[in-house]
Amino acid sequence: MTQQTESEATTGKGRGRYLIAALPLLLFAGLAAVFMTQLQSGRDVSEIPSALLGTKAPTLQLEGLDGSERPALTTAAITGKLTLVNIFASWCVPCRQEHPMLLELSKDPRVNVVGINYKDRNDNALRFLGELGNPYSAIGVDPNGKAAIDWGVYGIPESYLVGPDGTILYKKVGPFDPESFETQLMPAIEKALQGS
């Protein structure tokens, strides 16, 4: 009887060890299933919702970028105009990639393009704009990131389309590429222009 009890105890311990060893594999399989379901849902996972959409844009009272020959970025600089507010920095590689599209947009007289220079050094920002061109009608500096927090910035570049009445109409997290520029931003601009 004692030998049978020891055998049963050993078998029970063996099963417990297998179960503990299999637990990480089961957890991994469960997480993989959740991630696959999300990926196959058809939702754009790069799209980050913004609580600011449809609300008034935060107040702008930023100092200008010294040497840029552009005015400081204030609420007055965007009031009454359809405006794209772009958050950029010289150290931001994706900012360089989207810059040609911002330059192109700045040629459209229907849209006001302004910039918030995020956590950047003045001389680096001037060099960036001197090298690539300056699409901004006004530039504000945000050395400590406070304005970016007010705007709900996740990471740069980010852009916000603000209506003439100050309402945020569209938000883009990450850089514009030719496709997102044509299929997202331009339709948002056209829609805003038709509504005004």
C-alpha atoms as a PDB file:
ATOM      1  CA  MET A   1       0.000   0.000   0.000  1.00  0.00           C
ATOM      2  CA  THR A   2       2.826   2.372   0.810  1.00  0.00           C
ATOM      3  CA  GLN A   3       4.571   1.676  -2.495  1.00  0.00           C
ATOM      4  CA  GLN A   4       1.377   2.372  -4.456  1.00  0.00           C
ATOM      5  CA  THR A   5       0.901   5.691  -2.647  1.00  0.00           C
ATOM      6  CA  GLU A   6       4.495   6.738  -3.481  1.00  0.00           C
ATOM      7  CA  SER A   7       3.914   5.832  -7.145  1.00  0.00           C
ATOM      8  CA  GLU A   8       0.694   7.846  -7.254  1.00  0.00           C
ATOM      9  CA  ALA A   9       2.441  10.805  -5.602  1.00  0.00           C
ATOM     10  CA  THR A  10       5.307  10.649  -8.115  1.00  0.00           C
ATOM     11  CA  THR A  11       2.847  10.520 -11.019  1.00  0.00           C
ATOM     12  CA  GLY A  12       0.944  13.540  -9.613  1.00  0.00           C
ATOM     13  CA  LYS A  13       4.166  15.522  -9.230  1.00  0.00           C
ATOM     14  CA  GLY A  14       5.162  14.607 -12.793  1.00  0.00           C
ATOM     15  CA  ARG A  15       1.869  15.893 -14.185  1.00  0.00           C
ATOM     16  CA  GLY A  16       2.239  19.121 -12.214  1.00  0.00           C
ATOM     17  CA  ARG A  17       5.727  19.637 -13.632  1.00  0.00           C
ATOM     18  CA  TYR A  18       4.461  19.127 -17.182  1.00  0.00           C
ATOM     19  CA  LEU A  19       1.638  21.562 -16.575  1.00  0.00           C
ATOM     20  CA  ILE A  20       4.024  24.205 -15.193  1.00  0.00           C
ATOM     21  CA  ALA A  21       6.420  23.655 -18.101  1.00  0.00           C
ATOM     22  CA  ALA A  22       3.575  24.003 -20.637  1.00  0.00           C
ATOM     23  CA  LEU A  23       2.128  27.151 -19.044  1.00  0.00           C
ATOM     24  CA  PRO A  24       4.429  29.649 -20.883  1.00  0.00           C
ATOM     25  CA  LEU A  25       3.655  27.933 -24.173  1.00  0.00           C
ATOM     26  CA  LEU A  26      -0.089  28.151 -23.504  1.00  0.00           C
ATOM     27  CA  LEU A  27       0.198  31.847 -22.580  1.00  0.00           C
ATOM     28  CA  PHE A  28       2.187  32.548 -25.742  1.00  0.00           C
ATOM     29  CA  ALA A  29      -0.387  30.730 -27.890  1.00  0.00           C
ATOM     30  CA  GLY A  30      -3.206  32.741 -26.280  1.00  0.00           C
ATOM     31  CA  LEU A  31      -1.447  36.080 -26.870  1.00  0.00           C
ATOM     32  CA  ALA A  32      -0.605  35.098 -30.450  1.00  0.00           C
ATOM     33  CA  ALA A  33      -4.280  34.323 -31.078  1.00  0.00           C
ATOM     34  CA  VAL A  34      -5.330  37.738 -29.711  1.00  0.00           C
ATOM     35  CA  PHE A  35      -2.738  39.568 -31.847  1.00  0.00           C
ATOM     36  CA  MET A  36      -3.694  37.648 -34.992  1.00  0.00           C
ATOM     37  CA  THR A  37      -7.362  38.449 -34.426  1.00  0.00           C
ATOM     38  CA  GLN A  38      -6.516  42.171 -34.141  1.00  0.00           C
ATOM     39  CA  LEU A  39      -4.337  42.107 -37.260  1.00  0.00           C
ATOM     40  CA  GLN A  40      -7.003  40.356 -39.314  1.00  0.00           C
ATOM     41  CA  SER A  41      -9.801  42.643 -38.112  1.00  0.00           C
ATOM     42  CA  GLY A  42      -9.249  45.008 -41.045  1.00  0.00           C
ATOM     43  CA  ARG A  43      -8.673  47.960 -38.698  1.00  0.00           C
ATOM     44  CA  ASP A  44      -5.743  50.261 -39.464  1.00  0.00           C
ATOM     45  CA  VAL A  45      -3.501  49.542 -36.469  1.00  0.00           C
ATOM     46  CA  SER A  46      -1.356  52.606 -37.206  1.00  0.00           C
ATOM     47  CA  GLU A  47      -4.364  54.853 -36.658  1.00  0.00           C
ATOM     48  CA  ILE A  48      -4.320  56.263 -33.155  1.00  0.00           C
ATOM     49  CA  PRO A  49      -7.573  57.862 -32.082  1.00  0.00           C
ATOM     50  CA  SER A  50      -7.437  61.410 -30.765  1.00  0.00           C
ATOM     51  CA  ALA A  51      -9.690  62.788 -28.081  1.00  0.00           C
ATOM     52  CA  LEU A  52      -9.136  66.225 -29.644  1.00  0.00           C
ATOM     53  CA  LEU A  53     -10.872  65.479 -32.964  1.00  0.00           C
ATOM     54  CA  GLY A  54     -13.954  67.638 -33.230  1.00  0.00           C
ATOM     55  CA  THR A  55     -12.879  69.891 -30.359  1.00  0.00           C
ATOM     56  CA  LYS A  56     -11.269  73.338 -30.286  1.00  0.00           C
ATOM     57  CA  ALA A  57      -7.522  73.365 -30.820  1.00  0.00           C
ATOM     58  CA  PRO A  58      -5.384  74.140 -27.768  1.00  0.00           C
ATOM     59  CA  THR A  59      -4.278  77.736 -27.371  1.00  0.00           C
ATOM     60  CA  LEU A  60      -1.041  78.575 -29.153  1.00  0.00           C
ATOM     61  CA  GLN A  61       1.303  81.096 -27.569  1.00  0.00           C
ATOM     62  CA  LEU A  62       4.762  79.907 -28.631  1.00  0.00           C
ATOM     63  CA  GLU A  63       7.892  81.958 -29.108  1.00  0.00           C
ATOM     64  CA  GLY A  64       9.186  82.206 -32.660  1.00  0.00           C
ATOM     65  CA  LEU A  65      12.185  80.380 -34.082  1.00  0.00           C
ATOM     66  CA  ASP A  66      14.950  82.992 -33.956  1.00  0.00           C
ATOM     67  CA  GLY A  67      16.424  83.595 -37.401  1.00  0.00           C
ATOM     68  CA  SER A  68      13.617  81.897 -39.340  1.00  0.00           C
ATOM     69  CA  GLU A  69      12.146  85.174 -40.619  1.00  0.00           C
ATOM     70  CA  ARG A  70       8.724  83.780 -39.689  1.00  0.00           C
ATOM     71  CA  PRO A  71       6.403  85.076 -36.965  1.00  0.00           C
ATOM     72  CA  ALA A  72       5.855  83.268 -33.684  1.00  0.00           C
ATOM     73  CA  LEU A  73       3.058  80.707 -33.600  1.00  0.00           C
ATOM     74  CA  THR A  74       0.029  82.054 -31.797  1.00  0.00           C
ATOM     75  CA  THR A  75      -3.672  81.300 -31.990  1.00  0.00           C
ATOM     76  CA  ALA A  76      -4.064  84.485 -34.045  1.00  0.00           C
ATOM     77  CA  ALA A  77      -1.819  82.946 -36.752  1.00  0.00           C
ATOM     78  CA  ILE A  78      -4.356  80.182 -37.407  1.00  0.00           C
ATOM     79  CA  THR A  79      -7.694  81.855 -36.595  1.00  0.00           C
ATOM     80  CA  GLY A  80     -10.009  82.172 -39.578  1.00  0.00           C
ATOM     81  CA  LYS A  81      -7.842  79.976 -41.842  1.00  0.00           C
ATOM     82  CA  LEU A  82      -7.816  76.297 -42.717  1.00  0.00           C
ATOM     83  CA  THR A  83      -4.480  75.367 -41.149  1.00  0.00           C
ATOM     84  CA  LEU A  84      -2.204  72.353 -41.002  1.00  0.00           C
ATOM     85  CA  VAL A  85      -0.265  72.394 -37.721  1.00  0.00           C
ATOM     86  CA  ASN A  86       2.841  70.206 -38.164  1.00  0.00           C
ATOM     87  CA  ILE A  87       5.044  69.128 -35.251  1.00  0.00           C
ATOM     88  CA  PHE A  88       8.624  68.578 -36.454  1.00  0.00           C
ATOM     89  CA  ALA A  89      12.285  68.509 -35.391  1.00  0.00           C
ATOM     90  CA  SER A  90      15.622  68.486 -37.185  1.00  0.00           C
ATOM     91  CA  TRP A  91      16.597  65.198 -35.498  1.00  0.00           C
ATOM     92  CA  CYS A  92      13.438  63.463 -36.744  1.00  0.00           C
ATOM     93  CA  VAL A  93      14.231  61.307 -39.801  1.00  0.00           C
ATOM     94  CA  PRO A  94      10.550  60.815 -40.803  1.00  0.00           C
ATOM     95  CA  CYS A  95      10.150  64.620 -40.697  1.00  0.00           C
ATOM     96  CA  ARG A  96      12.660  64.807 -43.547  1.00  0.00           C
ATOM     97  CA  GLN A  97      10.689  62.218 -45.509  1.00  0.00           C
ATOM     98  CA  GLU A  98       7.396  64.141 -45.338  1.00  0.00           C
ATOM     99  CA  HIS A  99       8.931  67.593 -45.844  1.00  0.00           C
ATOM    100  CA  PRO A 100       8.557  67.710 -49.671  1.00  0.00           C
ATOM    101  CA  MET A 101       4.796  67.175 -49.295  1.00  0.00           C
ATOM    102  CA  LEU A 102       4.558  70.017 -46.767  1.00  0.00           C
ATOM    103  CA  LEU A 103       6.443  72.270 -49.177  1.00  0.00           C
ATOM    104  CA  GLU A 104       3.985  71.352 -51.927  1.00  0.00           C
ATOM    105  CA  LEU A 105       1.000  71.993 -49.642  1.00  0.00           C
ATOM    106  CA  SER A 106       2.392  75.384 -48.617  1.00  0.00           C
ATOM    107  CA  LYS A 107       1.990  76.527 -52.256  1.00  0.00           C
ATOM    108  CA  ASP A 108      -1.796  76.032 -51.991  1.00  0.00           C
ATOM    109  CA  PRO A 109      -3.236  79.441 -51.008  1.00  0.00           C
ATOM    110  CA  ARG A 110      -6.310  77.771 -49.469  1.00  0.00           C
ATOM    111  CA  VAL A 111      -4.244  76.144 -46.689  1.00  0.00           C
ATOM    112  CA  ASN A 112      -2.096  77.776 -44.021  1.00  0.00           C
ATOM    113  CA  VAL A 113       0.850  75.556 -42.963  1.00  0.00           C
ATOM    114  CA  VAL A 114       2.430  76.277 -39.572  1.00  0.00           C
ATOM    115  CA  GLY A 115       5.023  74.396 -37.547  1.00  0.00           C
ATOM    116  CA  ILE A 116       5.834  73.565 -33.952  1.00  0.00           C
ATOM    117  CA  ASN A 117       9.546  72.868 -33.565  1.00  0.00           C
ATOM    118  CA  TYR A 118       9.673  70.151 -30.894  1.00  0.00           C
ATOM    119  CA  LYS A 119      12.562  69.769 -28.411  1.00  0.00           C
ATOM    120  CA  ASP A 120      15.121  71.021 -30.900  1.00  0.00           C
ATOM    121  CA  ARG A 121      18.075  73.378 -30.890  1.00  0.00           C
ATOM    122  CA  ASN A 122      17.532  76.658 -32.702  1.00  0.00           C
ATOM    123  CA  ASP A 123      20.613  76.310 -34.946  1.00  0.00           C
ATOM    124  CA  ASN A 124      19.698  72.729 -35.906  1.00  0.00           C
ATOM    125  CA  ALA A 125      16.132  73.727 -36.789  1.00  0.00           C
ATOM    126  CA  LEU A 126      17.393  76.622 -38.937  1.00  0.00           C
ATOM    127  CA  ARG A 127      19.844  74.306 -40.712  1.00  0.00           C
ATOM    128  CA  PHE A 128      17.030  71.771 -41.329  1.00  0.00           C
ATOM    129  CA  LEU A 129      14.759  74.438 -42.856  1.00  0.00           C
ATOM    130  CA  GLY A 130      17.640  76.008 -44.789  1.00  0.00           C
ATOM    131  CA  GLU A 131      18.546  72.670 -46.327  1.00  0.00           C
ATOM    132  CA  LEU A 132      15.026  71.401 -47.103  1.00  0.00           C
ATOM    133  CA  GLY A 133      13.041  74.626 -47.484  1.00  0.00           C
ATOM    134  CA  ASN A 134      10.598  76.361 -45.160  1.00  0.00           C
ATOM    135  CA  PRO A 135       6.917  75.555 -45.751  1.00  0.00           C
ATOM    136  CA  TYR A 136       5.706  77.286 -42.578  1.00  0.00           C
ATOM    137  CA  SER A 137       3.989  80.670 -42.457  1.00  0.00           C
ATOM    138  CA  ALA A 138       4.607  80.752 -38.675  1.00  0.00           C
ATOM    139  CA  ILE A 139       6.858  78.671 -36.429  1.00  0.00           C
ATOM    140  CA  GLY A 140       6.678  78.190 -32.687  1.00  0.00           C
ATOM    141  CA  VAL A 141       9.352  76.540 -30.578  1.00  0.00           C
ATOM    142  CA  ASP A 142       8.444  73.953 -27.961  1.00  0.00           C
ATOM    143  CA  PRO A 143      11.745  73.287 -26.168  1.00  0.00           C
ATOM    144  CA  ASN A 144      10.268  71.364 -23.222  1.00  0.00           C
ATOM    145  CA  GLY A 145       7.369  69.632 -25.034  1.00  0.00           C
ATOM    146  CA  LYS A 146       4.565  71.379 -23.131  1.00  0.00           C
ATOM    147  CA  ALA A 147       2.679  72.414 -26.282  1.00  0.00           C
ATOM    148  CA  ALA A 148       3.024  68.881 -27.661  1.00  0.00           C
ATOM    149  CA  ILE A 149       1.403  67.535 -24.491  1.00  0.00           C
ATOM    150  CA  ASP A 150      -1.464  70.021 -24.879  1.00  0.00           C
ATOM    151  CA  TRP A 151      -1.976  68.798 -28.458  1.00  0.00           C
ATOM    152  CA  GLY A 152      -1.868  65.125 -27.433  1.00  0.00           C
ATOM    153  CA  VAL A 153       1.236  64.310 -29.467  1.00  0.00           C
ATOM    154  CA  TYR A 154       2.299  60.648 -29.379  1.00  0.00           C
ATOM    155  CA  GLY A 155       5.507  61.108 -31.357  1.00  0.00           C
ATOM    156  CA  ILE A 156       6.741  63.238 -34.189  1.00  0.00           C
ATOM    157  CA  PRO A 157       6.018  64.049 -36.879  1.00  0.00           C
ATOM    158  CA  GLU A 158       2.351  64.656 -36.230  1.00  0.00           C
ATOM    159  CA  SER A 159      -0.034  66.926 -38.067  1.00  0.00           C
ATOM    160  CA  TYR A 160      -3.417  68.421 -37.244  1.00  0.00           C
ATOM    161  CA  LEU A 161      -5.817  69.983 -39.711  1.00  0.00           C
ATOM    162  CA  VAL A 162      -7.584  72.842 -37.932  1.00  0.00           C
ATOM    163  CA  GLY A 163     -10.677  74.486 -39.381  1.00  0.00           C
ATOM    164  CA  PRO A 164     -11.097  78.278 -39.658  1.00  0.00           C
ATOM    165  CA  ASP A 165     -13.219  78.185 -36.488  1.00  0.00           C
ATOM    166  CA  GLY A 166     -10.403  76.447 -34.549  1.00  0.00           C
ATOM    167  CA  THR A 167     -11.885  72.919 -34.586  1.00  0.00           C
ATOM    168  CA  ILE A 168      -9.488  70.006 -35.083  1.00  0.00           C
ATOM    169  CA  LEU A 169     -10.773  68.179 -38.159  1.00  0.00           C
ATOM    170  CA  TYR A 170      -8.057  65.587 -38.863  1.00  0.00           C
ATOM    171  CA  LYS A 171      -4.970  64.141 -37.209  1.00  0.00           C
ATOM    172  CA  LYS A 172      -2.049  62.232 -38.716  1.00  0.00           C
ATOM    173  CA  VAL A 173       0.388  60.384 -36.490  1.00  0.00           C
ATOM    174  CA  GLY A 174       3.663  59.753 -38.283  1.00  0.00           C
ATOM    175  CA  PRO A 175       4.934  61.120 -41.566  1.00  0.00           C
ATOM    176  CA  PHE A 176       2.882  61.774 -44.654  1.00  0.00           C
ATOM    177  CA  ASP A 177       3.858  59.649 -47.609  1.00  0.00           C
ATOM    178  CA  PRO A 178       2.499  60.244 -51.115  1.00  0.00           C
ATOM    179  CA  GLU A 179      -0.375  57.802 -50.530  1.00  0.00           C
ATOM    180  CA  SER A 180      -1.537  59.187 -47.163  1.00  0.00           C
ATOM    181  CA  PHE A 181      -1.116  62.719 -48.507  1.00  0.00           C
ATOM    182  CA  GLU A 182      -3.428  62.008 -51.470  1.00  0.00           C
ATOM    183  CA  THR A 183      -5.908  59.609 -49.849  1.00  0.00           C
ATOM    184  CA  GLN A 184      -6.200  61.091 -46.345  1.00  0.00           C
ATOM    185  CA  LEU A 185      -5.013  64.690 -46.045  1.00  0.00           C
ATOM    186  CA  MET A 186      -6.219  66.093 -49.371  1.00  0.00           C
ATOM    187  CA  PRO A 187      -9.753  64.667 -48.987  1.00  0.00           C
ATOM    188  CA  ALA A 188      -9.882  66.097 -45.439  1.00  0.00           C
ATOM    189  CA  ILE A 189      -8.822  69.480 -46.824  1.00  0.00           C
ATOM    190  CA  GLU A 190     -11.396  69.339 -49.651  1.00  0.00           C
ATOM    191  CA  LYS A 191     -14.138  68.346 -47.205  1.00  0.00           C
ATOM    192  CA  ALA A 192     -13.205  71.220 -44.883  1.00  0.00           C
ATOM    193  CA  LEU A 193     -13.194  73.698 -47.773  1.00  0.00           C
ATOM    194  CA  GLN A 194     -16.612  72.547 -48.968  1.00  0.00           C
ATOM    195  CA  GLY A 195     -18.009  72.931 -45.460  1.00  0.00           C
ATOM    196  CA  SER A 196     -16.817  76.513 -45.077  1.00  0.00           C
END
